[in-house]
Amino acid sequence: ELTTFSECQELLRGTTLATVLRCGGAIFASSAGSDDTYMLSKRMVRIEAFISHNWSVPRYKKFLGLCLVYNFKFTVAIAFVLTVLVSIGTASGAFPLIHDRTEPTGRTAFGC
């Protein structure tokens, strides 16, 4: 059965993902609710996603899990762009090469 709030719209409250992730998921540090934590939410017309959790999982694991779920594509894209830029910078001589005595040439690429 689908739960609706059509009779009690004032109960349909939520918050943004940015608020949940703020300060490393600080909202997950304590299960005690307060006026301050209630004020982080606002009335909603609809909720995009419901984030459920339990208090036995450490706060940092919840934070990392949410970052992975909601930012994975963006993170992969940024990592790819940075890899390409560092490769171009190394190939063009813009970045210094690291001296490596174990290599026959004595030089390796940036960061390798």
PDB file of N, CA and C in Angstrom:
ATOM      1  N   GLU A   1       0.838  -1.172   0.000  1.00  0.00           N
ATOM      2  CA  GLU A   1       0.000   0.000   0.000  1.00  0.00           C
ATOM      3  C   GLU A   1       0.889   1.243   0.000  1.00  0.00           C
ATOM      4  N   LEU A   2       0.577   2.183  -0.830  1.00  0.00           N
ATOM      5  CA  LEU A   2       1.321   3.432  -0.952  1.00  0.00           C
ATOM      6  C   LEU A   2       0.887   4.414   0.130  1.00  0.00           C
ATOM      7  N   THR A   3       1.850   4.947   0.840  1.00  0.00           N
ATOM      8  CA  THR A   3       1.543   5.945   1.863  1.00  0.00           C
ATOM      9  C   THR A   3       1.449   7.309   1.212  1.00  0.00           C
ATOM     10  N   THR A   4       0.397   8.019   1.493  1.00  0.00           N
ATOM     11  CA  THR A   4       0.245   9.372   0.965  1.00  0.00           C
ATOM     12  C   THR A   4       0.035  10.340   2.122  1.00  0.00           C
ATOM     13  N   PHE A   5       0.265  11.582   1.833  1.00  0.00           N
ATOM     14  CA  PHE A   5       0.081  12.636   2.824  1.00  0.00           C
ATOM     15  C   PHE A   5      -1.008  13.604   2.375  1.00  0.00           C
ATOM     16  N   SER A   6      -1.933  13.108   1.561  1.00  0.00           N
ATOM     17  CA  SER A   6      -2.964  13.992   1.015  1.00  0.00           C
ATOM     18  C   SER A   6      -3.846  14.598   2.105  1.00  0.00           C
ATOM     19  N   GLU A   7      -4.035  13.883   3.203  1.00  0.00           N
ATOM     20  CA  GLU A   7      -4.858  14.389   4.304  1.00  0.00           C
ATOM     21  C   GLU A   7      -4.064  15.266   5.275  1.00  0.00           C
ATOM     22  N   CYS A   8      -2.728  15.110   5.291  1.00  0.00           N
ATOM     23  CA  CYS A   8      -1.886  15.812   6.269  1.00  0.00           C
ATOM     24  C   CYS A   8      -0.647  16.380   5.584  1.00  0.00           C
ATOM     25  N   GLN A   9      -0.826  17.331   4.709  1.00  0.00           N
ATOM     26  CA  GLN A   9       0.300  17.892   3.955  1.00  0.00           C
ATOM     27  C   GLN A   9       1.398  18.469   4.846  1.00  0.00           C
ATOM     28  N   GLU A  10       1.041  18.915   6.048  1.00  0.00           N
ATOM     29  CA  GLU A  10       2.052  19.501   6.935  1.00  0.00           C
ATOM     30  C   GLU A  10       3.063  18.464   7.425  1.00  0.00           C
ATOM     31  N   LEU A  11       2.735  17.171   7.310  1.00  0.00           N
ATOM     32  CA  LEU A  11       3.654  16.111   7.726  1.00  0.00           C
ATOM     33  C   LEU A  11       4.686  15.758   6.652  1.00  0.00           C
ATOM     34  N   LEU A  12       4.421  16.128   5.417  1.00  0.00           N
ATOM     35  CA  LEU A  12       5.341  15.821   4.330  1.00  0.00           C
ATOM     36  C   LEU A  12       6.482  16.832   4.338  1.00  0.00           C
ATOM     37  N   ARG A  13       7.577  16.457   4.976  1.00  0.00           N
ATOM     38  CA  ARG A  13       8.726  17.338   5.127  1.00  0.00           C
ATOM     39  C   ARG A  13       9.957  16.630   4.592  1.00  0.00           C
ATOM     40  N   GLY A  14      10.919  17.411   4.137  1.00  0.00           N
ATOM     41  CA  GLY A  14      12.162  16.854   3.635  1.00  0.00           C
ATOM     42  C   GLY A  14      13.250  17.904   3.652  1.00  0.00           C
ATOM     43  N   THR A  15      14.408  17.507   3.186  1.00  0.00           N
ATOM     44  CA  THR A  15      15.542  18.421   3.123  1.00  0.00           C
ATOM     45  C   THR A  15      16.349  18.116   1.875  1.00  0.00           C
ATOM     46  N   THR A  16      17.293  18.957   1.562  1.00  0.00           N
ATOM     47  CA  THR A  16      18.107  18.763   0.372  1.00  0.00           C
ATOM     48  C   THR A  16      19.269  17.826   0.666  1.00  0.00           C
ATOM     49  N   LEU A  17      19.800  17.229  -0.377  1.00  0.00           N
ATOM     50  CA  LEU A  17      20.967  16.367  -0.228  1.00  0.00           C
ATOM     51  C   LEU A  17      22.155  17.163   0.305  1.00  0.00           C
ATOM     52  N   ALA A  18      22.281  18.403  -0.113  1.00  0.00           N
ATOM     53  CA  ALA A  18      23.374  19.251   0.374  1.00  0.00           C
ATOM     54  C   ALA A  18      23.307  19.421   1.890  1.00  0.00           C
ATOM     55  N   THR A  19      22.113  19.551   2.418  1.00  0.00           N
ATOM     56  CA  THR A  19      21.955  19.676   3.870  1.00  0.00           C
ATOM     57  C   THR A  19      22.349  18.376   4.566  1.00  0.00           C
ATOM     58  N   VAL A  20      21.959  17.253   4.003  1.00  0.00           N
ATOM     59  CA  VAL A  20      22.293  15.959   4.597  1.00  0.00           C
ATOM     60  C   VAL A  20      23.811  15.728   4.581  1.00  0.00           C
ATOM     61  N   LEU A  21      24.478  16.128   3.501  1.00  0.00           N
ATOM     62  CA  LEU A  21      25.916  15.882   3.364  1.00  0.00           C
ATOM     63  C   LEU A  21      26.793  16.949   4.013  1.00  0.00           C
ATOM     64  N   ARG A  22      26.196  18.050   4.444  1.00  0.00           N
ATOM     65  CA  ARG A  22      26.963  19.159   5.021  1.00  0.00           C
ATOM     66  C   ARG A  22      27.841  18.675   6.179  1.00  0.00           C
ATOM     67  N   CYS A  23      29.064  19.167   6.210  1.00  0.00           N
ATOM     68  CA  CYS A  23      30.033  18.862   7.288  1.00  0.00           C
ATOM     69  C   CYS A  23      30.235  17.360   7.472  1.00  0.00           C
ATOM     70  N   GLY A  24      30.376  16.663   6.357  1.00  0.00           N
ATOM     71  CA  GLY A  24      30.631  15.228   6.442  1.00  0.00           C
ATOM     72  C   GLY A  24      29.468  14.432   6.984  1.00  0.00           C
ATOM     73  N   GLY A  25      28.257  14.861   6.708  1.00  0.00           N
ATOM     74  CA  GLY A  25      27.078  14.149   7.199  1.00  0.00           C
ATOM     75  C   GLY A  25      26.862  14.330   8.691  1.00  0.00           C
ATOM     76  N   ALA A  26      27.156  15.524   9.183  1.00  0.00           N
ATOM     77  CA  ALA A  26      27.058  15.806  10.626  1.00  0.00           C
ATOM     78  C   ALA A  26      25.680  15.488  11.199  1.00  0.00           C
ATOM     79  N   ILE A  27      24.655  15.549  10.382  1.00  0.00           N
ATOM     80  CA  ILE A  27      23.303  15.266  10.858  1.00  0.00           C
ATOM     81  C   ILE A  27      23.181  13.829  11.378  1.00  0.00           C
ATOM     82  N   PHE A  28      24.059  12.933  10.899  1.00  0.00           N
ATOM     83  CA  PHE A  28      24.033  11.537  11.326  1.00  0.00           C
ATOM     84  C   PHE A  28      24.836  11.282  12.604  1.00  0.00           C
ATOM     85  N   ALA A  29      25.413  12.310  13.184  1.00  0.00           N
ATOM     86  CA  ALA A  29      26.256  12.131  14.373  1.00  0.00           C
ATOM     87  C   ALA A  29      25.446  11.744  15.606  1.00  0.00           C
ATOM     88  N   SER A  30      24.204  12.167  15.656  1.00  0.00           N
ATOM     89  CA  SER A  30      23.392  11.901  16.845  1.00  0.00           C
ATOM     90  C   SER A  30      21.962  11.590  16.429  1.00  0.00           C
ATOM     91  N   SER A  31      21.357  10.652  17.142  1.00  0.00           N
ATOM     92  CA  SER A  31      19.964  10.315  16.846  1.00  0.00           C
ATOM     93  C   SER A  31      18.978  11.244  17.551  1.00  0.00           C
ATOM     94  N   ALA A  32      19.490  12.109  18.410  1.00  0.00           N
ATOM     95  CA  ALA A  32      18.623  13.031  19.144  1.00  0.00           C
ATOM     96  C   ALA A  32      18.121  14.134  18.211  1.00  0.00           C
ATOM     97  N   GLY A  33      16.826  14.245  18.126  1.00  0.00           N
ATOM     98  CA  GLY A  33      16.248  15.321  17.339  1.00  0.00           C
ATOM     99  C   GLY A  33      16.132  16.586  18.173  1.00  0.00           C
ATOM    100  N   SER A  34      16.044  17.716  17.501  1.00  0.00           N
ATOM    101  CA  SER A  34      15.911  18.986  18.203  1.00  0.00           C
ATOM    102  C   SER A  34      15.163  19.964  17.303  1.00  0.00           C
ATOM    103  N   ASP A  35      14.872  21.121  17.841  1.00  0.00           N
ATOM    104  CA  ASP A  35      14.255  22.168  17.022  1.00  0.00           C
ATOM    105  C   ASP A  35      15.180  22.542  15.870  1.00  0.00           C
ATOM    106  N   ASP A  36      16.485  22.537  16.134  1.00  0.00           N
ATOM    107  CA  ASP A  36      17.450  22.898  15.083  1.00  0.00           C
ATOM    108  C   ASP A  36      17.423  21.895  13.935  1.00  0.00           C
ATOM    109  N   THR A  37      17.406  20.592  14.256  1.00  0.00           N
ATOM    110  CA  THR A  37      17.381  19.607  13.180  1.00  0.00           C
ATOM    111  C   THR A  37      16.035  19.619  12.449  1.00  0.00           C
ATOM    112  N   TYR A  38      14.952  19.879  13.177  1.00  0.00           N
ATOM    113  CA  TYR A  38      13.637  19.984  12.537  1.00  0.00           C
ATOM    114  C   TYR A  38      13.626  21.155  11.552  1.00  0.00           C
ATOM    115  N   MET A  39      14.276  22.239  11.921  1.00  0.00           N
ATOM    116  CA  MET A  39      14.305  23.431  11.063  1.00  0.00           C
ATOM    117  C   MET A  39      15.125  23.214   9.788  1.00  0.00           C
ATOM    118  N   LEU A  40      15.927  22.156   9.757  1.00  0.00           N
ATOM    119  CA  LEU A  40      16.656  21.829   8.523  1.00  0.00           C
ATOM    120  C   LEU A  40      15.719  21.292   7.447  1.00  0.00           C
ATOM    121  N   SER A  41      14.532  20.868   7.840  1.00  0.00           N
ATOM    122  CA  SER A  41      13.562  20.359   6.872  1.00  0.00           C
ATOM    123  C   SER A  41      12.542  21.448   6.549  1.00  0.00           C
ATOM    124  N   LYS A  42      11.831  21.212   5.465  1.00  0.00           N
ATOM    125  CA  LYS A  42      10.755  22.138   5.096  1.00  0.00           C
ATOM    126  C   LYS A  42       9.639  21.332   4.449  1.00  0.00           C
ATOM    127  N   ARG A  43       8.481  21.933   4.371  1.00  0.00           N
ATOM    128  CA  ARG A  43       7.349  21.256   3.732  1.00  0.00           C
ATOM    129  C   ARG A  43       7.658  21.028   2.264  1.00  0.00           C
ATOM    130  N   MET A  44       7.255  19.851   1.792  1.00  0.00           N
ATOM    131  CA  MET A  44       7.515  19.454   0.413  1.00  0.00           C
ATOM    132  C   MET A  44       6.204  19.115  -0.290  1.00  0.00           C
ATOM    133  N   VAL A  45       6.208  19.276  -1.577  1.00  0.00           N
ATOM    134  CA  VAL A  45       5.082  18.827  -2.394  1.00  0.00           C
ATOM    135  C   VAL A  45       5.281  17.352  -2.718  1.00  0.00           C
ATOM    136  N   ARG A  46       6.558  16.985  -2.992  1.00  0.00           N
ATOM    137  CA  ARG A  46       6.898  15.589  -3.233  1.00  0.00           C
ATOM    138  C   ARG A  46       8.347  15.359  -2.822  1.00  0.00           C
ATOM    139  N   ILE A  47       8.681  14.114  -2.594  1.00  0.00           N
ATOM    140  CA  ILE A  47      10.031  13.738  -2.178  1.00  0.00           C
ATOM    141  C   ILE A  47      10.667  12.920  -3.293  1.00  0.00           C
ATOM    142  N   GLU A  48      11.853  13.334  -3.737  1.00  0.00           N
ATOM    143  CA  GLU A  48      12.554  12.648  -4.822  1.00  0.00           C
ATOM    144  C   GLU A  48      13.137  11.312  -4.372  1.00  0.00           C
ATOM    145  N   ALA A  49      13.735  11.296  -3.201  1.00  0.00           N
ATOM    146  CA  ALA A  49      14.369  10.074  -2.694  1.00  0.00           C
ATOM    147  C   ALA A  49      14.249  10.046  -1.183  1.00  0.00           C
ATOM    148  N   PHE A  50      14.058   8.863  -0.659  1.00  0.00           N
ATOM    149  CA  PHE A  50      13.999   8.686   0.787  1.00  0.00           C
ATOM    150  C   PHE A  50      15.287   8.015   1.224  1.00  0.00           C
ATOM    151  N   ILE A  51      16.030   8.652   2.102  1.00  0.00           N
ATOM    152  CA  ILE A  51      17.294   8.104   2.591  1.00  0.00           C
ATOM    153  C   ILE A  51      17.033   7.480   3.956  1.00  0.00           C
ATOM    154  N   SER A  52      17.156   6.168   4.001  1.00  0.00           N
ATOM    155  CA  SER A  52      16.972   5.446   5.248  1.00  0.00           C
ATOM    156  C   SER A  52      18.348   5.054   5.777  1.00  0.00           C
ATOM    157  N   HIS A  53      18.475   4.937   7.078  1.00  0.00           N
ATOM    158  CA  HIS A  53      19.754   4.561   7.673  1.00  0.00           C
ATOM    159  C   HIS A  53      19.509   3.961   9.039  1.00  0.00           C
ATOM    160  N   ASN A  54      20.567   3.391   9.616  1.00  0.00           N
ATOM    161  CA  ASN A  54      20.469   2.915  10.995  1.00  0.00           C
ATOM    162  C   ASN A  54      21.607   3.533  11.797  1.00  0.00           C
ATOM    163  N   TRP A  55      21.454   3.561  13.095  1.00  0.00           N
ATOM    164  CA  TRP A  55      22.422   4.259  13.942  1.00  0.00           C
ATOM    165  C   TRP A  55      23.642   3.415  14.279  1.00  0.00           C
ATOM    166  N   SER A  56      23.652   2.133  13.895  1.00  0.00           N
ATOM    167  CA  SER A  56      24.821   1.304  14.188  1.00  0.00           C
ATOM    168  C   SER A  56      25.939   1.498  13.164  1.00  0.00           C
ATOM    169  N   VAL A  57      25.630   2.072  12.014  1.00  0.00           N
ATOM    170  CA  VAL A  57      26.640   2.337  10.990  1.00  0.00           C
ATOM    171  C   VAL A  57      27.286   3.692  11.282  1.00  0.00           C
ATOM    172  N   PRO A  58      28.619   3.755  11.266  1.00  0.00           N
ATOM    173  CA  PRO A  58      29.291   5.033  11.547  1.00  0.00           C
ATOM    174  C   PRO A  58      28.908   6.127  10.546  1.00  0.00           C
ATOM    175  N   ARG A  59      28.906   7.328  11.032  1.00  0.00           N
ATOM    176  CA  ARG A  59      28.536   8.495  10.238  1.00  0.00           C
ATOM    177  C   ARG A  59      29.350   8.596   8.954  1.00  0.00           C
ATOM    178  N   TYR A  60      30.670   8.366   9.016  1.00  0.00           N
ATOM    179  CA  TYR A  60      31.507   8.528   7.831  1.00  0.00           C
ATOM    180  C   TYR A  60      31.136   7.520   6.740  1.00  0.00           C
ATOM    181  N   LYS A  61      30.693   6.327   7.121  1.00  0.00           N
ATOM    182  CA  LYS A  61      30.288   5.342   6.116  1.00  0.00           C
ATOM    183  C   LYS A  61      29.004   5.775   5.417  1.00  0.00           C
ATOM    184  N   LYS A  62      28.090   6.357   6.161  1.00  0.00           N
ATOM    185  CA  LYS A  62      26.862   6.877   5.551  1.00  0.00           C
ATOM    186  C   LYS A  62      27.205   7.999   4.571  1.00  0.00           C
ATOM    187  N   PHE A  63      28.089   8.897   5.009  1.00  0.00           N
ATOM    188  CA  PHE A  63      28.494  10.021   4.169  1.00  0.00           C
ATOM    189  C   PHE A  63      29.147   9.518   2.882  1.00  0.00           C
ATOM    190  N   LEU A  64      30.108   8.605   2.999  1.00  0.00           N
ATOM    191  CA  LEU A  64      30.801   8.085   1.815  1.00  0.00           C
ATOM    192  C   LEU A  64      29.852   7.341   0.891  1.00  0.00           C
ATOM    193  N   GLY A  65      28.925   6.584   1.463  1.00  0.00           N
ATOM    194  CA  GLY A  65      27.948   5.879   0.647  1.00  0.00           C
ATOM    195  C   GLY A  65      27.061   6.831  -0.144  1.00  0.00           C
ATOM    196  N   LEU A  66      26.599   7.882   0.499  1.00  0.00           N
ATOM    197  CA  LEU A  66      25.764   8.868  -0.200  1.00  0.00           C
ATOM    198  C   LEU A  66      26.557   9.610  -1.269  1.00  0.00           C
ATOM    199  N   CYS A  67      27.811   9.935  -0.972  1.00  0.00           N
ATOM    200  CA  CYS A  67      28.658  10.588  -1.981  1.00  0.00           C
ATOM    201  C   CYS A  67      28.826   9.693  -3.197  1.00  0.00           C
ATOM    202  N   LEU A  68      29.054   8.418  -2.966  1.00  0.00           N
ATOM    203  CA  LEU A  68      29.225   7.478  -4.067  1.00  0.00           C
ATOM    204  C   LEU A  68      27.954   7.372  -4.897  1.00  0.00           C
ATOM    205  N   VAL A  69      26.821   7.214  -4.243  1.00  0.00           N
ATOM    206  CA  VAL A  69      25.557   7.041  -4.960  1.00  0.00           C
ATOM    207  C   VAL A  69      25.184   8.300  -5.759  1.00  0.00           C
ATOM    208  N   TYR A  70      25.327   9.463  -5.148  1.00  0.00           N
ATOM    209  CA  TYR A  70      24.831  10.684  -5.780  1.00  0.00           C
ATOM    210  C   TYR A  70      25.866  11.454  -6.586  1.00  0.00           C
ATOM    211  N   ASN A  71      27.156  11.103  -6.503  1.00  0.00           N
ATOM    212  CA  ASN A  71      28.189  11.856  -7.217  1.00  0.00           C
ATOM    213  C   ASN A  71      29.106  10.993  -8.069  1.00  0.00           C
ATOM    214  N   PHE A  72      28.788   9.727  -8.258  1.00  0.00           N
ATOM    215  CA  PHE A  72      29.705   8.814  -8.927  1.00  0.00           C
ATOM    216  C   PHE A  72      30.037   9.245 -10.354  1.00  0.00           C
ATOM    217  N   LYS A  73      29.043   9.525 -11.166  1.00  0.00           N
ATOM    218  CA  LYS A  73      29.290   9.899 -12.564  1.00  0.00           C
ATOM    219  C   LYS A  73      30.124  11.171 -12.657  1.00  0.00           C
ATOM    220  N   PHE A  74      29.795  12.150 -11.846  1.00  0.00           N
ATOM    221  CA  PHE A  74      30.546  13.404 -11.837  1.00  0.00           C
ATOM    222  C   PHE A  74      31.999  13.161 -11.425  1.00  0.00           C
ATOM    223  N   THR A  75      32.212  12.332 -10.395  1.00  0.00           N
ATOM    224  CA  THR A  75      33.553  12.044  -9.911  1.00  0.00           C
ATOM    225  C   THR A  75      34.376  11.325 -10.965  1.00  0.00           C
ATOM    226  N   VAL A  76      33.788  10.364 -11.651  1.00  0.00           N
ATOM    227  CA  VAL A  76      34.494   9.647 -12.712  1.00  0.00           C
ATOM    228  C   VAL A  76      34.856  10.609 -13.841  1.00  0.00           C
ATOM    229  N   ALA A  77      33.947  11.493 -14.196  1.00  0.00           N
ATOM    230  CA  ALA A  77      34.224  12.465 -15.263  1.00  0.00           C
ATOM    231  C   ALA A  77      35.367  13.404 -14.875  1.00  0.00           C
ATOM    232  N   ILE A  78      35.373  13.904 -13.661  1.00  0.00           N
ATOM    233  CA  ILE A  78      36.435  14.793 -13.195  1.00  0.00           C
ATOM    234  C   ILE A  78      37.772  14.054 -13.160  1.00  0.00           C
ATOM    235  N   ALA A  79      37.778  12.817 -12.679  1.00  0.00           N
ATOM    236  CA  ALA A  79      39.005  12.020 -12.633  1.00  0.00           C
ATOM    237  C   ALA A  79      39.564  11.804 -14.041  1.00  0.00           C
ATOM    238  N   PHE A  80      38.680  11.539 -14.995  1.00  0.00           N
ATOM    239  CA  PHE A  80      39.118  11.351 -16.377  1.00  0.00           C
ATOM    240  C   PHE A  80      39.727  12.624 -16.944  1.00  0.00           C
ATOM    241  N   VAL A  81      39.056  13.747 -16.751  1.00  0.00           N
ATOM    242  CA  VAL A  81      39.563  15.030 -17.252  1.00  0.00           C
ATOM    243  C   VAL A  81      40.920  15.357 -16.624  1.00  0.00           C
ATOM    244  N   LEU A  82      41.053  15.168 -15.325  1.00  0.00           N
ATOM    245  CA  LEU A  82      42.323  15.452 -14.656  1.00  0.00           C
ATOM    246  C   LEU A  82      43.434  14.519 -15.142  1.00  0.00           C
ATOM    247  N   THR A  83      43.114  13.264 -15.386  1.00  0.00           N
ATOM    248  CA  THR A  83      44.103  12.325 -15.913  1.00  0.00           C
ATOM    249  C   THR A  83      44.595  12.775 -17.281  1.00  0.00           C
ATOM    250  N   VAL A  84      43.681  13.186 -18.134  1.00  0.00           N
ATOM    251  CA  VAL A  84      44.056  13.665 -19.462  1.00  0.00           C
ATOM    252  C   VAL A  84      44.916  14.927 -19.350  1.00  0.00           C
ATOM    253  N   LEU A  85      44.520  15.866 -18.498  1.00  0.00           N
ATOM    254  CA  LEU A  85      45.289  17.106 -18.349  1.00  0.00           C
ATOM    255  C   LEU A  85      46.691  16.857 -17.813  1.00  0.00           C
ATOM    256  N   VAL A  86      46.828  15.974 -16.832  1.00  0.00           N
ATOM    257  CA  VAL A  86      48.152  15.659 -16.286  1.00  0.00           C
ATOM    258  C   VAL A  86      48.992  14.949 -17.343  1.00  0.00           C
ATOM    259  N   SER A  87      48.376  14.070 -18.128  1.00  0.00           N
ATOM    260  CA  SER A  87      49.105  13.381 -19.193  1.00  0.00           C
ATOM    261  C   SER A  87      49.605  14.366 -20.243  1.00  0.00           C
ATOM    262  N   ILE A  88      48.755  15.282 -20.635  1.00  0.00           N
ATOM    263  CA  ILE A  88      49.158  16.307 -21.613  1.00  0.00           C
ATOM    264  C   ILE A  88      50.256  17.189 -21.033  1.00  0.00           C
ATOM    265  N   GLY A  89      50.099  17.591 -19.783  1.00  0.00           N
ATOM    266  CA  GLY A  89      51.111  18.422 -19.133  1.00  0.00           C
ATOM    267  C   GLY A  89      52.453  17.728 -19.033  1.00  0.00           C
ATOM    268  N   THR A  90      52.435  16.440 -18.754  1.00  0.00           N
ATOM    269  CA  THR A  90      53.681  15.674 -18.664  1.00  0.00           C
ATOM    270  C   THR A  90      54.317  15.521 -20.042  1.00  0.00           C
ATOM    271  N   ALA A  91      53.506  15.175 -21.037  1.00  0.00           N
ATOM    272  CA  ALA A  91      54.027  14.980 -22.396  1.00  0.00           C
ATOM    273  C   ALA A  91      54.585  16.268 -22.989  1.00  0.00           C
ATOM    274  N   SER A  92      53.997  17.397 -22.628  1.00  0.00           N
ATOM    275  CA  SER A  92      54.452  18.673 -23.188  1.00  0.00           C
ATOM    276  C   SER A  92      55.620  19.274 -22.415  1.00  0.00           C
ATOM    277  N   GLY A  93      55.958  18.668 -21.292  1.00  0.00           N
ATOM    278  CA  GLY A  93      57.068  19.180 -20.486  1.00  0.00           C
ATOM    279  C   GLY A  93      56.649  20.234 -19.478  1.00  0.00           C
ATOM    280  N   ALA A  94      55.367  20.487 -19.347  1.00  0.00           N
ATOM    281  CA  ALA A  94      54.884  21.494 -18.400  1.00  0.00           C
ATOM    282  C   ALA A  94      55.034  21.030 -16.960  1.00  0.00           C
ATOM    283  N   PHE A  95      54.970  19.712 -16.755  1.00  0.00           N
ATOM    284  CA  PHE A  95      55.155  19.156 -15.418  1.00  0.00           C
ATOM    285  C   PHE A  95      56.526  18.501 -15.348  1.00  0.00           C
ATOM    286  N   PRO A  96      57.190  18.636 -14.229  1.00  0.00           N
ATOM    287  CA  PRO A  96      58.525  18.031 -14.122  1.00  0.00           C
ATOM    288  C   PRO A  96      58.428  16.508 -14.050  1.00  0.00           C
ATOM    289  N   LEU A  97      59.470  15.863 -14.545  1.00  0.00           N
ATOM    290  CA  LEU A  97      59.556  14.416 -14.440  1.00  0.00           C
ATOM    291  C   LEU A  97      60.260  14.065 -13.144  1.00  0.00           C
ATOM    292  N   ILE A  98      59.935  12.929 -12.608  1.00  0.00           N
ATOM    293  CA  ILE A  98      60.519  12.490 -11.348  1.00  0.00           C
ATOM    294  C   ILE A  98      61.733  11.620 -11.641  1.00  0.00           C
ATOM    295  N   HIS A  99      62.832  11.882 -10.968  1.00  0.00           N
ATOM    296  CA  HIS A  99      64.042  11.080 -11.140  1.00  0.00           C
ATOM    297  C   HIS A  99      63.856   9.748 -10.439  1.00  0.00           C
ATOM    298  N   ASP A 100      64.038   8.672 -11.186  1.00  0.00           N
ATOM    299  CA  ASP A 100      63.872   7.330 -10.632  1.00  0.00           C
ATOM    300  C   ASP A 100      65.112   6.514 -10.965  1.00  0.00           C
ATOM    301  N   ARG A 101      65.858   6.157  -9.963  1.00  0.00           N
ATOM    302  CA  ARG A 101      67.116   5.427 -10.169  1.00  0.00           C
ATOM    303  C   ARG A 101      66.892   3.995 -10.611  1.00  0.00           C
ATOM    304  N   THR A 102      65.688   3.476 -10.433  1.00  0.00           N
ATOM    305  CA  THR A 102      65.426   2.092 -10.836  1.00  0.00           C
ATOM    306  C   THR A 102      65.107   1.979 -12.319  1.00  0.00           C
ATOM    307  N   GLU A 103      64.791   3.072 -12.972  1.00  0.00           N
ATOM    308  CA  GLU A 103      64.511   3.083 -14.407  1.00  0.00           C
ATOM    309  C   GLU A 103      65.819   3.212 -15.182  1.00  0.00           C
ATOM    310  N   PRO A 104      65.961   2.493 -16.286  1.00  0.00           N
ATOM    311  CA  PRO A 104      67.199   2.602 -17.078  1.00  0.00           C
ATOM    312  C   PRO A 104      67.476   4.024 -17.571  1.00  0.00           C
ATOM    313  N   THR A 105      66.414   4.786 -17.880  1.00  0.00           N
ATOM    314  CA  THR A 105      66.598   6.150 -18.357  1.00  0.00           C
ATOM    315  C   THR A 105      66.757   7.133 -17.205  1.00  0.00           C
ATOM    316  N   GLY A 106      66.406   6.693 -16.015  1.00  0.00           N
ATOM    317  CA  GLY A 106      66.491   7.578 -14.844  1.00  0.00           C
ATOM    318  C   GLY A 106      65.341   8.552 -14.728  1.00  0.00           C
ATOM    319  N   ARG A 107      64.364   8.469 -15.628  1.00  0.00           N
ATOM    320  CA  ARG A 107      63.228   9.389 -15.601  1.00  0.00           C
ATOM    321  C   ARG A 107      61.930   8.614 -15.714  1.00  0.00           C
ATOM    322  N   THR A 108      60.907   9.094 -15.075  1.00  0.00           N
ATOM    323  CA  THR A 108      59.566   8.539 -15.215  1.00  0.00           C
ATOM    324  C   THR A 108      58.584   9.689 -15.367  1.00  0.00           C
ATOM    325  N   ALA A 109      57.372   9.348 -15.671  1.00  0.00           N
ATOM    326  CA  ALA A 109      56.343  10.384 -15.848  1.00  0.00           C
ATOM    327  C   ALA A 109      55.932  10.962 -14.503  1.00  0.00           C
ATOM    328  N   PHE A 110      55.227  12.072 -14.560  1.00  0.00           N
ATOM    329  CA  PHE A 110      54.717  12.751 -13.382  1.00  0.00           C
ATOM    330  C   PHE A 110      53.891  11.805 -12.538  1.00  0.00           C
ATOM    331  N   GLY A 111      54.246  11.678 -11.284  1.00  0.00           N
ATOM    332  CA  GLY A 111      53.463  10.914 -10.320  1.00  0.00           C
ATOM    333  C   GLY A 111      53.548   9.409 -10.441  1.00  0.00           C
ATOM    334  N   CYS A 112      54.341   8.884 -11.332  1.00  0.00           N
ATOM    335  CA  CYS A 112      54.434   7.404 -11.465  1.00  0.00           C
ATOM    336  C   CYS A 112      55.612   6.883 -10.656  1.00  0.00           C
TER     337      CYS A 112
END
